[in-house]
PDB file of all heavy atoms in Angstrom:
ATOM      1  N   ARG A   1      34.006 -99.316  23.427  1.00  0.00           N
ATOM      2  CA  ARG A   1      35.129 -98.547  23.977  1.00  0.00           C
ATOM      3  C   ARG A   1      35.978 -99.392  24.953  1.00  0.00           C
ATOM      4  O   ARG A   1      37.199 -99.318  24.898  1.00  0.00           O
ATOM      5  CB  ARG A   1      34.591 -97.300  24.716  1.00  0.00           C
ATOM      6  CG  ARG A   1      35.637 -96.305  25.145  1.00  0.00           C
ATOM      7  CD  ARG A   1      35.064 -94.979  25.592  1.00  0.00           C
ATOM      8  NE  ARG A   1      34.307 -95.092  26.857  1.00  0.00           N
ATOM      9  CZ  ARG A   1      33.019 -94.989  26.880  1.00  0.00           C
ATOM     10  NH1 ARG A   1      32.289 -94.730  25.799  1.00  0.00           N
ATOM     11  NH2 ARG A   1      32.353 -95.026  28.049  1.00  0.00           N
ATOM     12  N   LYS A   2      35.341-100.161  25.790  1.00  0.00           N
ATOM     13  CA  LYS A   2      36.030-101.031  26.703  1.00  0.00           C
ATOM     14  C   LYS A   2      36.749-102.163  25.940  1.00  0.00           C
ATOM     15  O   LYS A   2      37.840-102.582  26.294  1.00  0.00           O
ATOM     16  CB  LYS A   2      35.083-101.661  27.718  1.00  0.00           C
ATOM     17  CG  LYS A   2      34.505-100.621  28.718  1.00  0.00           C
ATOM     18  CD  LYS A   2      35.630 -99.879  29.438  1.00  0.00           C
ATOM     19  CE  LYS A   2      35.087 -98.868  30.410  1.00  0.00           C
ATOM     20  NZ  LYS A   2      36.161 -98.108  31.120  1.00  0.00           N
ATOM     21  N   TYR A   3      36.096-102.640  24.868  1.00  0.00           N
ATOM     22  CA  TYR A   3      36.729-103.655  24.043  1.00  0.00           C
ATOM     23  C   TYR A   3      38.020-103.087  23.380  1.00  0.00           C
ATOM     24  O   TYR A   3      39.067-103.787  23.361  1.00  0.00           O
ATOM     25  CB  TYR A   3      35.768-104.052  22.940  1.00  0.00           C
ATOM     26  CG  TYR A   3      36.333-105.047  21.904  1.00  0.00           C
ATOM     27  CD1 TYR A   3      36.149-106.419  22.059  1.00  0.00           C
ATOM     28  CD2 TYR A   3      37.046-104.603  20.791  1.00  0.00           C
ATOM     29  CE1 TYR A   3      36.672-107.325  21.136  1.00  0.00           C
ATOM     30  CE2 TYR A   3      37.554-105.497  19.849  1.00  0.00           C
ATOM     31  CZ  TYR A   3      37.340-106.848  20.034  1.00  0.00           C
ATOM     32  OH  TYR A   3      37.899-107.692  19.094  1.00  0.00           O
ATOM     33  N   PHE A   4      37.914-101.884  22.907  1.00  0.00           N
ATOM     34  CA  PHE A   4      39.113-101.255  22.284  1.00  0.00           C
ATOM     35  C   PHE A   4      40.254-101.195  23.302  1.00  0.00           C
ATOM     36  O   PHE A   4      41.400-101.462  22.982  1.00  0.00           O
ATOM     37  CB  PHE A   4      38.721 -99.822  21.832  1.00  0.00           C
ATOM     38  CG  PHE A   4      39.794 -99.145  21.052  1.00  0.00           C
ATOM     39  CD1 PHE A   4      39.963 -99.309  19.726  1.00  0.00           C
ATOM     40  CD2 PHE A   4      40.648 -98.263  21.748  1.00  0.00           C
ATOM     41  CE1 PHE A   4      41.002 -98.667  19.031  1.00  0.00           C
ATOM     42  CE2 PHE A   4      41.704 -97.640  21.029  1.00  0.00           C
ATOM     43  CZ  PHE A   4      41.853 -97.852  19.694  1.00  0.00           C
ATOM     44  N   ASP A   5      39.949-100.748  24.536  1.00  0.00           N
ATOM     45  CA  ASP A   5      40.986-100.582  25.556  1.00  0.00           C
ATOM     46  C   ASP A   5      41.601-101.931  25.913  1.00  0.00           C
ATOM     47  O   ASP A   5      42.855-102.032  26.106  1.00  0.00           O
ATOM     48  CB  ASP A   5      40.379 -99.951  26.833  1.00  0.00           C
ATOM     49  CG  ASP A   5      39.987 -98.528  26.589  1.00  0.00           C
ATOM     50  OD1 ASP A   5      40.435 -97.879  25.608  1.00  0.00           O
ATOM     51  OD2 ASP A   5      39.147 -97.992  27.366  1.00  0.00           O
ATOM     52  N   ARG A   6      40.803-102.954  26.034  1.00  0.00           N
ATOM     53  CA  ARG A   6      41.274-104.262  26.530  1.00  0.00           C
ATOM     54  C   ARG A   6      41.841-105.200  25.468  1.00  0.00           C
ATOM     55  O   ARG A   6      42.850-105.865  25.699  1.00  0.00           O
ATOM     56  CB  ARG A   6      40.131-104.971  27.245  1.00  0.00           C
ATOM     57  CG  ARG A   6      39.901-104.580  28.700  1.00  0.00           C
ATOM     58  CD  ARG A   6      40.919-105.250  29.576  1.00  0.00           C
ATOM     59  NE  ARG A   6      40.745-104.872  30.953  1.00  0.00           N
ATOM     60  CZ  ARG A   6      41.530-105.244  31.916  1.00  0.00           C
ATOM     61  NH1 ARG A   6      42.587-106.004  31.661  1.00  0.00           N
ATOM     62  NH2 ARG A   6      41.327-104.863  33.165  1.00  0.00           N
ATOM     63  N   ILE A   7      41.206-105.259  24.309  1.00  0.00           N
ATOM     64  CA  ILE A   7      41.463-106.315  23.346  1.00  0.00           C
ATOM     65  C   ILE A   7      42.396-105.884  22.216  1.00  0.00           C
ATOM     66  O   ILE A   7      43.195-106.688  21.746  1.00  0.00           O
ATOM     67  CB  ILE A   7      40.164-106.867  22.769  1.00  0.00           C
ATOM     68  CG1 ILE A   7      39.204-107.249  23.935  1.00  0.00           C
ATOM     69  CG2 ILE A   7      40.415-108.071  21.859  1.00  0.00           C
ATOM     70  CD1 ILE A   7      39.724-108.227  24.947  1.00  0.00           C
ATOM     71  N   THR A   8      42.296-104.648  21.753  1.00  0.00           N
ATOM     72  CA  THR A   8      43.129-104.238  20.612  1.00  0.00           C
ATOM     73  C   THR A   8      44.621-104.202  20.930  1.00  0.00           C
ATOM     74  O   THR A   8      45.392-104.327  19.960  1.00  0.00           O
ATOM     75  CB  THR A   8      42.694-102.852  20.088  1.00  0.00           C
ATOM     76  OG1 THR A   8      42.718-101.879  21.104  1.00  0.00           O
ATOM     77  CG2 THR A   8      41.290-102.921  19.482  1.00  0.00           C
ATOM     78  N   PRO A   9      45.115-104.080  22.137  1.00  0.00           N
ATOM     79  CA  PRO A   9      46.514-104.117  22.336  1.00  0.00           C
ATOM     80  C   PRO A   9      47.179-105.477  21.907  1.00  0.00           C
ATOM     81  O   PRO A   9      48.342-105.471  21.517  1.00  0.00           O
ATOM     82  CB  PRO A   9      46.704-103.950  23.868  1.00  0.00           C
ATOM     83  CG  PRO A   9      45.525-103.087  24.237  1.00  0.00           C
ATOM     84  CD  PRO A   9      44.390-103.611  23.383  1.00  0.00           C
ATOM     85  N   PHE A  10      46.408-106.584  21.912  1.00  0.00           N
ATOM     86  CA  PHE A  10      47.049-107.876  21.507  1.00  0.00           C
ATOM     87  C   PHE A  10      46.398-108.466  20.287  1.00  0.00           C
ATOM     88  O   PHE A  10      46.694-109.589  19.926  1.00  0.00           O
ATOM     89  CB  PHE A  10      46.955-108.840  22.655  1.00  0.00           C
ATOM     90  CG  PHE A  10      45.568-109.265  23.104  1.00  0.00           C
ATOM     91  CD1 PHE A  10      44.856-110.208  22.431  1.00  0.00           C
ATOM     92  CD2 PHE A  10      44.952-108.618  24.183  1.00  0.00           C
ATOM     93  CE1 PHE A  10      43.565-110.590  22.828  1.00  0.00           C
ATOM     94  CE2 PHE A  10      43.681-108.998  24.599  1.00  0.00           C
ATOM     95  CZ  PHE A  10      42.986-109.974  23.909  1.00  0.00           C
ATOM     96  N   SER A  11      45.552-107.721  19.575  1.00  0.00           N
ATOM     97  CA  SER A  11      44.866-108.278  18.435  1.00  0.00           C
ATOM     98  C   SER A  11      44.416-107.203  17.439  1.00  0.00           C
ATOM     99  O   SER A  11      44.402-106.022  17.788  1.00  0.00           O
ATOM    100  CB  SER A  11      43.574-109.076  18.837  1.00  0.00           C
ATOM    101  OG  SER A  11      42.621-108.202  19.365  1.00  0.00           O
ATOM    102  N   GLU A  12      44.053-107.650  16.249  1.00  0.00           N
ATOM    103  CA  GLU A  12      43.435-106.765  15.229  1.00  0.00           C
ATOM    104  C   GLU A  12      42.042-107.282  14.959  1.00  0.00           C
ATOM    105  O   GLU A  12      41.869-108.500  14.637  1.00  0.00           O
ATOM    106  CB  GLU A  12      44.259-106.775  13.975  1.00  0.00           C
ATOM    107  CG  GLU A  12      43.682-105.912  12.858  1.00  0.00           C
ATOM    108  CD  GLU A  12      44.353-106.059  11.548  1.00  0.00           C
ATOM    109  OE1 GLU A  12      44.937-107.176  11.284  1.00  0.00           O
ATOM    110  OE2 GLU A  12      44.321-105.160  10.735  1.00  0.00           O
ATOM    111  N   THR A  13      41.073-106.477  15.088  1.00  0.00           N
ATOM    112  CA  THR A  13      39.681-106.844  14.803  1.00  0.00           C
ATOM    113  C   THR A  13      39.336-106.631  13.388  1.00  0.00           C
ATOM    114  O   THR A  13      39.410-105.469  12.868  1.00  0.00           O
ATOM    115  CB  THR A  13      38.719-106.010  15.749  1.00  0.00           C
ATOM    116  OG1 THR A  13      39.056-106.247  17.088  1.00  0.00           O
ATOM    117  CG2 THR A  13      37.287-106.479  15.496  1.00  0.00           C
ATOM    118  N   LEU A  14      38.989-107.704  12.691  1.00  0.00           N
ATOM    119  CA  LEU A  14      38.704-107.607  11.253  1.00  0.00           C
ATOM    120  C   LEU A  14      37.206-107.249  10.998  1.00  0.00           C
ATOM    121  O   LEU A  14      36.895-106.657   9.985  1.00  0.00           O
ATOM    122  CB  LEU A  14      39.024-108.937  10.612  1.00  0.00           C
ATOM    123  CG  LEU A  14      40.494-109.391  10.780  1.00  0.00           C
ATOM    124  CD1 LEU A  14      40.736-110.751  10.119  1.00  0.00           C
ATOM    125  CD2 LEU A  14      41.464-108.348  10.232  1.00  0.00           C
ATOM    126  N   ALA A  15      36.341-107.652  11.905  1.00  0.00           N
ATOM    127  CA  ALA A  15      34.901-107.351  11.716  1.00  0.00           C
ATOM    128  C   ALA A  15      34.201-107.616  13.075  1.00  0.00           C
ATOM    129  O   ALA A  15      34.704-108.338  13.916  1.00  0.00           O
ATOM    130  CB  ALA A  15      34.264-108.245  10.675  1.00  0.00           C
ATOM    131  N   PHE A  16      33.111-106.921  13.271  1.00  0.00           N
ATOM    132  CA  PHE A  16      32.306-107.139  14.461  1.00  0.00           C
ATOM    133  C   PHE A  16      30.840-106.879  14.208  1.00  0.00           C
ATOM    134  O   PHE A  16      30.478-106.152  13.222  1.00  0.00           O
ATOM    135  CB  PHE A  16      32.800-106.266  15.624  1.00  0.00           C
ATOM    136  CG  PHE A  16      32.560-104.749  15.455  1.00  0.00           C
ATOM    137  CD1 PHE A  16      31.344-104.199  15.877  1.00  0.00           C
ATOM    138  CD2 PHE A  16      33.504-103.936  14.862  1.00  0.00           C
ATOM    139  CE1 PHE A  16      31.117-102.842  15.719  1.00  0.00           C
ATOM    140  CE2 PHE A  16      33.291-102.618  14.703  1.00  0.00           C
ATOM    141  CZ  PHE A  16      32.096-102.018  15.161  1.00  0.00           C
ATOM    142  N   CYS A  17      29.996-107.425  15.057  1.00  0.00           N
ATOM    143  CA  CYS A  17      28.577-107.135  15.002  1.00  0.00           C
ATOM    144  C   CYS A  17      28.008-107.289  16.428  1.00  0.00           C
ATOM    145  O   CYS A  17      28.146-108.373  17.027  1.00  0.00           O
ATOM    146  CB  CYS A  17      27.816-108.017  14.059  1.00  0.00           C
ATOM    147  SG  CYS A  17      26.083-107.652  13.865  1.00  0.00           S
ATOM    148  N   LEU A  18      27.368-106.263  16.930  1.00  0.00           N
ATOM    149  CA  LEU A  18      26.676-106.319  18.210  1.00  0.00           C
ATOM    150  C   LEU A  18      25.191-106.292  17.949  1.00  0.00           C
ATOM    151  O   LEU A  18      24.691-105.437  17.261  1.00  0.00           O
ATOM    152  CB  LEU A  18      27.111-105.081  19.075  1.00  0.00           C
ATOM    153  CG  LEU A  18      28.575-104.780  19.284  1.00  0.00           C
ATOM    154  CD1 LEU A  18      28.745-103.631  20.216  1.00  0.00           C
ATOM    155  CD2 LEU A  18      29.333-106.048  19.749  1.00  0.00           C
ATOM    156  N   LEU A  19      24.509-107.275  18.528  1.00  0.00           N
ATOM    157  CA  LEU A  19      23.085-107.294  18.483  1.00  0.00           C
ATOM    158  C   LEU A  19      22.475-107.127  19.897  1.00  0.00           C
ATOM    159  O   LEU A  19      23.248-107.279  20.859  1.00  0.00           O
ATOM    160  CB  LEU A  19      22.572-108.645  17.917  1.00  0.00           C
ATOM    161  CG  LEU A  19      23.027-108.937  16.447  1.00  0.00           C
ATOM    162  CD1 LEU A  19      22.652-110.353  16.017  1.00  0.00           C
ATOM    163  CD2 LEU A  19      22.490-107.906  15.470  1.00  0.00           C
ATOM    164  N   PRO A  20      21.234-106.900  20.082  1.00  0.00           N
ATOM    165  CA  PRO A  20      20.703-106.623  21.441  1.00  0.00           C
ATOM    166  C   PRO A  20      21.023-107.710  22.418  1.00  0.00           C
ATOM    167  O   PRO A  20      21.253-107.402  23.604  1.00  0.00           O
ATOM    168  CB  PRO A  20      19.193-106.523  21.169  1.00  0.00           C
ATOM    169  CG  PRO A  20      19.066-106.005  19.781  1.00  0.00           C
ATOM    170  CD  PRO A  20      20.172-106.648  19.033  1.00  0.00           C
ATOM    171  N   ASP A  21      21.061-109.008  21.971  1.00  0.00           N
ATOM    172  CA  ASP A  21      21.307-110.072  22.921  1.00  0.00           C
ATOM    173  C   ASP A  21      22.596-110.876  22.714  1.00  0.00           C
ATOM    174  O   ASP A  21      22.754-111.929  23.308  1.00  0.00           O
ATOM    175  CB  ASP A  21      20.126-111.006  22.949  1.00  0.00           C
ATOM    176  CG  ASP A  21      19.892-111.682  21.621  1.00  0.00           C
ATOM    177  OD1 ASP A  21      20.506-111.271  20.606  1.00  0.00           O
ATOM    178  OD2 ASP A  21      19.113-112.654  21.569  1.00  0.00           O
ATOM    179  N   GLN A  22      23.456-110.332  21.823  1.00  0.00           N
ATOM    180  CA  GLN A  22      24.681-111.115  21.513  1.00  0.00           C
ATOM    181  C   GLN A  22      25.751-110.235  20.878  1.00  0.00           C
ATOM    182  O   GLN A  22      25.450-109.103  20.432  1.00  0.00           O
ATOM    183  CB  GLN A  22      24.373-112.300  20.573  1.00  0.00           C
ATOM    184  CG  GLN A  22      23.763-111.869  19.236  1.00  0.00           C
ATOM    185  CD  GLN A  22      23.183-113.015  18.459  1.00  0.00           C
ATOM    186  OE1 GLN A  22      23.856-113.593  17.637  1.00  0.00           O
ATOM    187  NE2 GLN A  22      21.918-113.388  18.776  1.00  0.00           N
ATOM    188  N   PHE A  23      26.979-110.720  20.882  1.00  0.00           N
ATOM    189  CA  PHE A  23      28.062-110.000  20.211  1.00  0.00           C
ATOM    190  C   PHE A  23      28.921-110.960  19.411  1.00  0.00           C
ATOM    191  O   PHE A  23      29.018-112.147  19.772  1.00  0.00           O
ATOM    192  CB  PHE A  23      28.895-109.207  21.193  1.00  0.00           C
ATOM    193  CG  PHE A  23      29.640-110.026  22.212  1.00  0.00           C
ATOM    194  CD1 PHE A  23      30.780-110.740  21.872  1.00  0.00           C
ATOM    195  CD2 PHE A  23      29.189-110.131  23.510  1.00  0.00           C
ATOM    196  CE1 PHE A  23      31.447-111.502  22.879  1.00  0.00           C
ATOM    197  CE2 PHE A  23      29.835-110.863  24.475  1.00  0.00           C
ATOM    198  CZ  PHE A  23      30.982-111.549  24.121  1.00  0.00           C
ATOM    199  N   HIS A  24      29.544-110.509  18.339  1.00  0.00           N
ATOM    200  CA  HIS A  24      30.400-111.272  17.514  1.00  0.00           C
ATOM    201  C   HIS A  24      31.617-110.402  17.094  1.00  0.00           C
ATOM    202  O   HIS A  24      31.477-109.317  16.672  1.00  0.00           O
ATOM    203  CB  HIS A  24      29.684-111.725  16.244  1.00  0.00           C
ATOM    204  CG  HIS A  24      28.477-112.587  16.522  1.00  0.00           C
ATOM    205  ND1 HIS A  24      28.553-113.962  16.496  1.00  0.00           N
ATOM    206  CD2 HIS A  24      27.200-112.235  16.800  1.00  0.00           C
ATOM    207  CE1 HIS A  24      27.312-114.427  16.764  1.00  0.00           C
ATOM    208  NE2 HIS A  24      26.482-113.418  16.978  1.00  0.00           N
ATOM    209  N   PHE A  25      32.820-111.051  17.195  1.00  0.00           N
ATOM    210  CA  PHE A  25      34.032-110.379  16.728  1.00  0.00           C
ATOM    211  C   PHE A  25      34.840-111.370  15.907  1.00  0.00           C
ATOM    212  O   PHE A  25      34.894-112.548  16.282  1.00  0.00           O
ATOM    213  CB  PHE A  25      34.882-109.863  17.916  1.00  0.00           C
ATOM    214  CG  PHE A  25      34.261-108.755  18.700  1.00  0.00           C
ATOM    215  CD1 PHE A  25      33.479-109.059  19.815  1.00  0.00           C
ATOM    216  CD2 PHE A  25      34.461-107.451  18.328  1.00  0.00           C
ATOM    217  CE1 PHE A  25      32.924-108.021  20.548  1.00  0.00           C
ATOM    218  CE2 PHE A  25      33.868-106.406  19.025  1.00  0.00           C
ATOM    219  CZ  PHE A  25      33.121-106.696  20.180  1.00  0.00           C
ATOM    220  N   ILE A  26      35.422-110.931  14.850  1.00  0.00           N
ATOM    221  CA  ILE A  26      36.421-111.706  14.117  1.00  0.00           C
ATOM    222  C   ILE A  26      37.772-110.994  14.316  1.00  0.00           C
ATOM    223  O   ILE A  26      37.913-109.784  13.957  1.00  0.00           O
ATOM    224  CB  ILE A  26      36.065-111.825  12.654  1.00  0.00           C
ATOM    225  CG1 ILE A  26      34.793-112.572  12.459  1.00  0.00           C
ATOM    226  CG2 ILE A  26      37.213-112.566  11.892  1.00  0.00           C
ATOM    227  CD1 ILE A  26      34.293-112.645  11.010  1.00  0.00           C
ATOM    228  N   LEU A  27      38.693-111.652  14.913  1.00  0.00           N
ATOM    229  CA  LEU A  27      39.962-111.013  15.264  1.00  0.00           C
ATOM    230  C   LEU A  27      41.159-111.915  14.955  1.00  0.00           C
ATOM    231  O   LEU A  27      41.069-113.109  14.976  1.00  0.00           O
ATOM    232  CB  LEU A  27      39.954-110.542  16.725  1.00  0.00           C
ATOM    233  CG  LEU A  27      39.695-111.584  17.795  1.00  0.00           C
ATOM    234  CD1 LEU A  27      41.023-112.217  18.240  1.00  0.00           C
ATOM    235  CD2 LEU A  27      39.027-110.976  19.008  1.00  0.00           C
ATOM    236  N   ARG A  28      42.261-111.241  14.735  1.00  0.00           N
ATOM    237  CA  ARG A  28      43.531-111.939  14.549  1.00  0.00           C
ATOM    238  C   ARG A  28      44.443-111.605  15.728  1.00  0.00           C
ATOM    239  O   ARG A  28      44.710-110.463  16.024  1.00  0.00           O
ATOM    240  CB  ARG A  28      44.189-111.483  13.247  1.00  0.00           C
ATOM    241  CG  ARG A  28      45.584-112.219  13.035  1.00  0.00           C
ATOM    242  CD  ARG A  28      46.303-111.668  11.800  1.00  0.00           C
ATOM    243  NE  ARG A  28      45.600-112.129  10.599  1.00  0.00           N
ATOM    244  CZ  ARG A  28      44.958-111.288   9.738  1.00  0.00           C
ATOM    245  NH1 ARG A  28      44.869-109.978  10.066  1.00  0.00           N
ATOM    246  NH2 ARG A  28      44.389-111.742   8.677  1.00  0.00           N
ATOM    247  N   ILE A  29      44.898-112.626  16.473  1.00  0.00           N
ATOM    248  CA  ILE A  29      45.815-112.427  17.581  1.00  0.00           C
ATOM    249  C   ILE A  29      47.147-112.015  16.963  1.00  0.00           C
ATOM    250  O   ILE A  29      47.564-112.504  15.941  1.00  0.00           O
ATOM    251  CB  ILE A  29      45.985-113.729  18.398  1.00  0.00           C
ATOM    252  CG1 ILE A  29      44.623-114.268  18.877  1.00  0.00           C
ATOM    253  CG2 ILE A  29      46.918-113.461  19.578  1.00  0.00           C
ATOM    254  CD1 ILE A  29      43.912-113.389  19.833  1.00  0.00           C
ATOM    255  N   LYS A  30      47.865-111.101  17.655  1.00  0.00           N
ATOM    256  CA  LYS A  30      49.157-110.639  17.152  1.00  0.00           C
ATOM    257  C   LYS A  30      50.182-111.750  17.152  1.00  0.00           C
ATOM    258  O   LYS A  30      49.928-112.790  17.797  1.00  0.00           O
ATOM    259  CB  LYS A  30      49.630-109.451  17.950  1.00  0.00           C
ATOM    260  CG  LYS A  30      48.828-108.183  17.729  1.00  0.00           C
ATOM    261  CD  LYS A  30      49.375-106.993  18.457  1.00  0.00           C
ATOM    262  CE  LYS A  30      48.578-105.763  18.200  1.00  0.00           C
ATOM    263  NZ  LYS A  30      49.107-104.572  18.952  1.00  0.00           N
ATOM    264  N   ASN A  31      51.322-111.556  16.528  1.00  0.00           N
ATOM    265  CA  ASN A  31      52.314-112.619  16.451  1.00  0.00           C
ATOM    266  C   ASN A  31      53.062-112.757  17.748  1.00  0.00           C
ATOM    267  O   ASN A  31      52.975-111.957  18.695  1.00  0.00           O
ATOM    268  CB  ASN A  31      53.269-112.359  15.251  1.00  0.00           C
ATOM    269  CG  ASN A  31      54.040-111.109  15.367  1.00  0.00           C
ATOM    270  OD1 ASN A  31      54.444-110.683  16.435  1.00  0.00           O
ATOM    271  ND2 ASN A  31      54.207-110.425  14.263  1.00  0.00           N
ATOM    272  N   ASN A  32      53.833-113.851  17.850  1.00  0.00           N
ATOM    273  CA  ASN A  32      54.557-114.161  19.114  1.00  0.00           C
ATOM    274  C   ASN A  32      55.508-113.069  19.550  1.00  0.00           C
ATOM    275  O   ASN A  32      55.627-112.754  20.710  1.00  0.00           O
ATOM    276  CB  ASN A  32      55.345-115.456  18.938  1.00  0.00           C
ATOM    277  CG  ASN A  32      54.500-116.699  19.301  1.00  0.00           C
ATOM    278  OD1 ASN A  32      53.921-116.776  20.352  1.00  0.00           O
ATOM    279  ND2 ASN A  32      54.418-117.630  18.366  1.00  0.00           N
ATOM    280  N   ARG A  33      56.205-112.462  18.569  1.00  0.00           N
ATOM    281  CA  ARG A  33      57.119-111.399  18.911  1.00  0.00           C
ATOM    282  C   ARG A  33      56.416-110.219  19.592  1.00  0.00           C
ATOM    283  O   ARG A  33      56.886-109.683  20.596  1.00  0.00           O
ATOM    284  CB  ARG A  33      57.825-110.912  17.691  1.00  0.00           C
ATOM    285  CG  ARG A  33      58.860-109.784  17.931  1.00  0.00           C
ATOM    286  CD  ARG A  33      59.582-109.320  16.659  1.00  0.00           C
ATOM    287  NE  ARG A  33      60.412-110.398  16.152  1.00  0.00           N
ATOM    288  CZ  ARG A  33      61.152-110.285  15.048  1.00  0.00           C
ATOM    289  NH1 ARG A  33      61.160-109.162  14.359  1.00  0.00           N
ATOM    290  NH2 ARG A  33      61.914-111.299  14.656  1.00  0.00           N
ATOM    291  N   ALA A  34      55.257-109.818  19.029  1.00  0.00           N
ATOM    292  CA  ALA A  34      54.512-108.695  19.585  1.00  0.00           C
ATOM    293  C   ALA A  34      53.970-109.032  20.991  1.00  0.00           C
ATOM    294  O   ALA A  34      54.049-108.211  21.903  1.00  0.00           O
ATOM    295  CB  ALA A  34      53.396-108.313  18.614  1.00  0.00           C
ATOM    296  N   LEU A  35      53.448-110.272  21.113  1.00  0.00           N
ATOM    297  CA  LEU A  35      52.859-110.666  22.434  1.00  0.00           C
ATOM    298  C   LEU A  35      53.974-110.779  23.460  1.00  0.00           C
ATOM    299  O   LEU A  35      53.757-110.379  24.656  1.00  0.00           O
ATOM    300  CB  LEU A  35      52.144-112.008  22.294  1.00  0.00           C
ATOM    301  CG  LEU A  35      50.912-111.976  21.342  1.00  0.00           C
ATOM    302  CD1 LEU A  35      50.323-113.345  21.241  1.00  0.00           C
ATOM    303  CD2 LEU A  35      49.889-110.992  21.841  1.00  0.00           C
ATOM    304  N   THR A  36      55.118-111.340  23.098  1.00  0.00           N
ATOM    305  CA  THR A  36      56.222-111.491  24.070  1.00  0.00           C
ATOM    306  C   THR A  36      56.772-110.115  24.468  1.00  0.00           C
ATOM    307  O   THR A  36      57.085-109.905  25.613  1.00  0.00           O
ATOM    308  CB  THR A  36      57.337-112.341  23.443  1.00  0.00           C
ATOM    309  OG1 THR A  36      56.838-113.619  23.093  1.00  0.00           O
ATOM    310  CG2 THR A  36      58.483-112.511  24.449  1.00  0.00           C
ATOM    311  N   SER A  37      56.812-109.204  23.532  1.00  0.00           N
ATOM    312  CA  SER A  37      57.288-107.877  23.816  1.00  0.00           C
ATOM    313  C   SER A  37      56.329-107.153  24.786  1.00  0.00           C
ATOM    314  O   SER A  37      56.751-106.470  25.726  1.00  0.00           O
ATOM    315  CB  SER A  37      57.390-107.059  22.550  1.00  0.00           C
ATOM    316  OG  SER A  37      57.701-105.684  22.801  1.00  0.00           O
ATOM    317  N   MET A  38      55.034-107.398  24.639  1.00  0.00           N
ATOM    318  CA  MET A  38      54.005-106.755  25.437  1.00  0.00           C
ATOM    319  C   MET A  38      53.874-107.411  26.808  1.00  0.00           C
ATOM    320  O   MET A  38      53.694-106.761  27.815  1.00  0.00           O
ATOM    321  CB  MET A  38      52.690-106.711  24.683  1.00  0.00           C
ATOM    322  CG  MET A  38      51.515-106.124  25.438  1.00  0.00           C
ATOM    323  SD  MET A  38      50.015-106.071  24.453  1.00  0.00           S
ATOM    324  CE  MET A  38      49.751-107.817  24.117  1.00  0.00           C
ATOM    325  N   TRP A  39      53.901-108.743  26.795  1.00  0.00           N
ATOM    326  CA  TRP A  39      53.545-109.513  27.999  1.00  0.00           C
ATOM    327  C   TRP A  39      54.740-110.265  28.609  1.00  0.00           C
ATOM    328  O   TRP A  39      54.548-111.137  29.477  1.00  0.00           O
ATOM    329  CB  TRP A  39      52.452-110.525  27.696  1.00  0.00           C
ATOM    330  CG  TRP A  39      51.075-109.975  27.613  1.00  0.00           C
ATOM    331  CD1 TRP A  39      50.617-108.815  28.212  1.00  0.00           C
ATOM    332  CD2 TRP A  39      49.966-110.500  26.894  1.00  0.00           C
ATOM    333  NE1 TRP A  39      49.297-108.668  27.911  1.00  0.00           N
ATOM    334  CE2 TRP A  39      48.867-109.674  27.126  1.00  0.00           C
ATOM    335  CE3 TRP A  39      49.779-111.665  26.065  1.00  0.00           C
ATOM    336  CZ2 TRP A  39      47.567-109.890  26.563  1.00  0.00           C
ATOM    337  CZ3 TRP A  39      48.520-111.866  25.524  1.00  0.00           C
ATOM    338  CH2 TRP A  39      47.450-110.994  25.764  1.00  0.00           C
ATOM    339  N   GLY A  40      55.960-109.975  28.185  1.00  0.00           N
ATOM    340  CA  GLY A  40      57.124-110.717  28.681  1.00  0.00           C
ATOM    341  C   GLY A  40      57.174-110.955  30.159  1.00  0.00           C
ATOM    342  O   GLY A  40      57.227-112.082  30.584  1.00  0.00           O
ATOM    343  N   PRO A  41      57.089-109.902  30.973  1.00  0.00           N
ATOM    344  CA  PRO A  41      57.126-110.080  32.440  1.00  0.00           C
ATOM    345  C   PRO A  41      55.957-110.931  32.994  1.00  0.00           C
ATOM    346  O   PRO A  41      56.155-111.757  33.866  1.00  0.00           O
ATOM    347  CB  PRO A  41      57.012-108.641  32.971  1.00  0.00           C
ATOM    348  CG  PRO A  41      57.585-107.790  31.848  1.00  0.00           C
ATOM    349  CD  PRO A  41      57.117-108.466  30.600  1.00  0.00           C
ATOM    350  N   LYS A  42      54.794-110.741  32.405  1.00  0.00           N
ATOM    351  CA  LYS A  42      53.605-111.496  32.835  1.00  0.00           C
ATOM    352  C   LYS A  42      53.763-112.994  32.472  1.00  0.00           C
ATOM    353  O   LYS A  42      53.397-113.862  33.276  1.00  0.00           O
ATOM    354  CB  LYS A  42      52.347-110.987  32.182  1.00  0.00           C
ATOM    355  CG  LYS A  42      51.860-109.637  32.718  1.00  0.00           C
ATOM    356  CD  LYS A  42      50.540-109.283  32.103  1.00  0.00           C
ATOM    357  CE  LYS A  42      50.006-107.946  32.706  1.00  0.00           C
ATOM    358  NZ  LYS A  42      48.716-107.529  32.106  1.00  0.00           N
ATOM    359  N   ILE A  43      54.314-113.279  31.304  1.00  0.00           N
ATOM    360  CA  ILE A  43      54.559-114.669  30.872  1.00  0.00           C
ATOM    361  C   ILE A  43      55.554-115.346  31.820  1.00  0.00           C
ATOM    362  O   ILE A  43      55.318-116.520  32.270  1.00  0.00           O
ATOM    363  CB  ILE A  43      55.065-114.716  29.423  1.00  0.00           C
ATOM    364  CG1 ILE A  43      53.965-114.261  28.470  1.00  0.00           C
ATOM    365  CG2 ILE A  43      55.549-116.099  29.090  1.00  0.00           C
ATOM    366  CD1 ILE A  43      54.423-114.110  27.051  1.00  0.00           C
TER     367      ILE A  43
END
């Protein structure tokens, strides 16, 4: 749930696996236009 809130705004998660002692995500970062639109002031 926290991952969804924090990470999905700037990426698309293609697959994931959480194990008791580790986590794995395969994700695609959004394109420059989307990131600039979202983070322009921060950049």
